[in-house]
Every structure is written in C-alpha cells, then in structure tokens.
Amino acid sequence: MNEPFRVVVNKRLWNTVLLDGTVPDDEVLTMIDHSYEQVVKGLTKAERQQLSAG
C-alpha cells in the first residue's frame, strides 16, 4: 500500500488519522472506542437496546 489511509468521523466533529505508523495502535483504538461511545450516547434508548441485542 503506497498511501496512508485517512479516517474521517462526522462532518461536524472529525478526527483525521494517518495510519502510517506515527500514531501508536493503542491510541488509534482508544480514539475509535471514544468515537463509538459518543455515537451510542446520541442514540435513543430503543436504538441502544436494539444495538445491544444485536
């Protein structure tokens, strides 16, 4: 792979992470977990229940 990936999350509040090895894997995973938690917090109770039943 010649070019690094770009990960963009949300058009209003985004993080751009170049996956070229300069950011440690555990830090990338922490950012992903945090983003997921923020999305889940914005769901309705019914949506959260559906997600957990998944």
N, C-alpha and C. Protein backbone atom coordinates (compact mmCIF):
# COMPACT_ATOMS: atom_id res chain seq x y z
N MET A 1 0.86 -1.17 0.00
CA MET A 1 0.00 0.00 0.00
C MET A 1 0.91 1.23 0.00
N ASN A 2 0.71 2.09 -0.96
CA ASN A 2 1.60 3.24 -1.11
C ASN A 2 1.15 4.48 -0.35
N GLU A 3 -0.15 4.64 -0.15
CA GLU A 3 -0.63 5.84 0.53
C GLU A 3 -1.29 5.47 1.84
N PRO A 4 -1.15 6.31 2.87
CA PRO A 4 -1.80 6.03 4.16
C PRO A 4 -3.31 6.20 4.04
N PHE A 5 -4.02 5.46 4.89
CA PHE A 5 -5.47 5.61 4.96
C PHE A 5 -5.81 6.90 5.66
N ARG A 6 -6.94 7.46 5.34
CA ARG A 6 -7.47 8.60 6.08
C ARG A 6 -8.81 8.17 6.66
N VAL A 7 -8.99 8.39 7.93
CA VAL A 7 -10.23 8.06 8.60
C VAL A 7 -10.88 9.36 9.02
N VAL A 8 -12.09 9.61 8.54
CA VAL A 8 -12.80 10.83 8.89
C VAL A 8 -14.11 10.44 9.56
N VAL A 9 -14.33 10.99 10.74
CA VAL A 9 -15.52 10.67 11.51
C VAL A 9 -16.33 11.93 11.73
N ASN A 10 -17.58 11.91 11.28
CA ASN A 10 -18.52 13.01 11.48
C ASN A 10 -18.05 14.26 10.74
N LYS A 11 -18.96 14.91 10.06
CA LYS A 11 -18.60 16.11 9.31
C LYS A 11 -18.44 17.33 10.21
N ARG A 12 -19.08 17.32 11.37
CA ARG A 12 -19.01 18.46 12.28
C ARG A 12 -17.80 18.35 13.21
N LEU A 13 -17.64 17.19 13.80
CA LEU A 13 -16.52 16.95 14.71
C LEU A 13 -15.75 15.75 14.16
N TRP A 14 -14.64 15.99 13.53
CA TRP A 14 -13.94 14.88 12.91
C TRP A 14 -12.52 14.75 13.42
N ASN A 15 -12.02 13.57 13.25
CA ASN A 15 -10.62 13.27 13.53
C ASN A 15 -10.05 12.72 12.25
N THR A 16 -8.93 13.22 11.84
CA THR A 16 -8.22 12.65 10.71
C THR A 16 -6.97 11.99 11.25
N VAL A 17 -6.82 10.71 10.96
CA VAL A 17 -5.68 9.96 11.45
C VAL A 17 -4.98 9.32 10.26
N LEU A 18 -3.74 9.65 10.08
CA LEU A 18 -2.95 8.99 9.05
C LEU A 18 -2.41 7.70 9.64
N LEU A 19 -2.80 6.59 9.06
CA LEU A 19 -2.38 5.29 9.57
C LEU A 19 -1.06 4.91 8.93
N ASP A 20 -0.05 5.70 9.27
CA ASP A 20 1.28 5.49 8.68
C ASP A 20 2.30 5.04 9.73
N GLY A 21 1.80 4.69 10.92
CA GLY A 21 2.68 4.20 11.96
C GLY A 21 3.13 5.27 12.95
N THR A 22 2.81 6.55 12.68
CA THR A 22 3.26 7.60 13.60
C THR A 22 2.39 7.68 14.86
N VAL A 23 1.15 7.20 14.78
CA VAL A 23 0.27 7.16 15.94
C VAL A 23 0.23 5.71 16.42
N PRO A 24 0.55 5.47 17.68
CA PRO A 24 0.55 4.09 18.19
C PRO A 24 -0.83 3.43 18.03
N ASP A 25 -0.82 2.13 17.76
CA ASP A 25 -2.06 1.39 17.56
C ASP A 25 -3.03 1.55 18.73
N ASP A 26 -2.51 1.49 19.96
CA ASP A 26 -3.40 1.59 21.12
C ASP A 26 -4.07 2.96 21.18
N GLU A 27 -3.40 4.00 20.73
CA GLU A 27 -4.01 5.33 20.71
C GLU A 27 -5.11 5.41 19.65
N VAL A 28 -4.88 4.80 18.50
CA VAL A 28 -5.91 4.76 17.45
C VAL A 28 -7.12 4.00 17.97
N LEU A 29 -6.91 2.87 18.62
CA LEU A 29 -8.02 2.10 19.17
C LEU A 29 -8.78 2.88 20.24
N THR A 30 -8.07 3.64 21.06
CA THR A 30 -8.72 4.48 22.06
C THR A 30 -9.60 5.54 21.40
N MET A 31 -9.10 6.14 20.32
CA MET A 31 -9.90 7.15 19.60
C MET A 31 -11.14 6.52 18.99
N ILE A 32 -11.00 5.31 18.44
CA ILE A 32 -12.15 4.62 17.86
C ILE A 32 -13.18 4.31 18.94
N ASP A 33 -12.72 3.79 20.08
CA ASP A 33 -13.63 3.49 21.19
C ASP A 33 -14.37 4.74 21.65
N HIS A 34 -13.64 5.84 21.79
CA HIS A 34 -14.26 7.09 22.23
C HIS A 34 -15.31 7.56 21.22
N SER A 35 -15.00 7.49 19.95
CA SER A 35 -15.95 7.90 18.92
C SER A 35 -17.21 7.04 18.98
N TYR A 36 -17.03 5.73 19.13
CA TYR A 36 -18.17 4.82 19.21
C TYR A 36 -19.04 5.17 20.42
N GLU A 37 -18.41 5.40 21.56
CA GLU A 37 -19.15 5.76 22.77
C GLU A 37 -19.95 7.04 22.58
N GLN A 38 -19.38 8.02 21.88
CA GLN A 38 -20.08 9.27 21.63
C GLN A 38 -21.30 9.06 20.72
N VAL A 39 -21.16 8.20 19.73
CA VAL A 39 -22.29 7.89 18.85
C VAL A 39 -23.39 7.19 19.64
N VAL A 40 -23.03 6.21 20.44
CA VAL A 40 -24.01 5.46 21.22
C VAL A 40 -24.74 6.39 22.19
N LYS A 41 -24.02 7.34 22.80
CA LYS A 41 -24.67 8.29 23.71
C LYS A 41 -25.73 9.11 23.01
N GLY A 42 -25.59 9.32 21.71
CA GLY A 42 -26.56 10.11 20.95
C GLY A 42 -27.76 9.33 20.46
N LEU A 43 -27.75 8.01 20.66
CA LEU A 43 -28.87 7.18 20.22
C LEU A 43 -30.02 7.25 21.21
N THR A 44 -31.19 6.93 20.74
CA THR A 44 -32.34 6.83 21.64
C THR A 44 -32.20 5.56 22.46
N LYS A 45 -32.98 5.45 23.52
CA LYS A 45 -32.95 4.26 24.36
C LYS A 45 -33.29 3.02 23.53
N ALA A 46 -34.29 3.13 22.68
CA ALA A 46 -34.69 2.00 21.85
C ALA A 46 -33.56 1.58 20.90
N GLU A 47 -32.88 2.56 20.33
CA GLU A 47 -31.76 2.24 19.44
C GLU A 47 -30.61 1.58 20.19
N ARG A 48 -30.34 2.05 21.41
CA ARG A 48 -29.28 1.43 22.22
C ARG A 48 -29.64 -0.01 22.57
N GLN A 49 -30.91 -0.25 22.91
CA GLN A 49 -31.35 -1.59 23.23
C GLN A 49 -31.24 -2.51 22.01
N GLN A 50 -31.61 -1.99 20.85
CA GLN A 50 -31.52 -2.78 19.62
C GLN A 50 -30.05 -3.11 19.32
N LEU A 51 -29.18 -2.14 19.54
CA LEU A 51 -27.75 -2.35 19.30
C LEU A 51 -27.19 -3.42 20.24
N SER A 52 -27.57 -3.37 21.49
CA SER A 52 -27.04 -4.34 22.45
C SER A 52 -27.63 -5.73 22.25
N ALA A 53 -28.80 -5.81 21.64
CA ALA A 53 -29.42 -7.12 21.36
C ALA A 53 -28.79 -7.77 20.14
N GLY A 54 -28.15 -6.92 19.30
CA GLY A 54 -27.58 -7.25 18.03
C GLY A 54 -26.97 -8.51 17.77
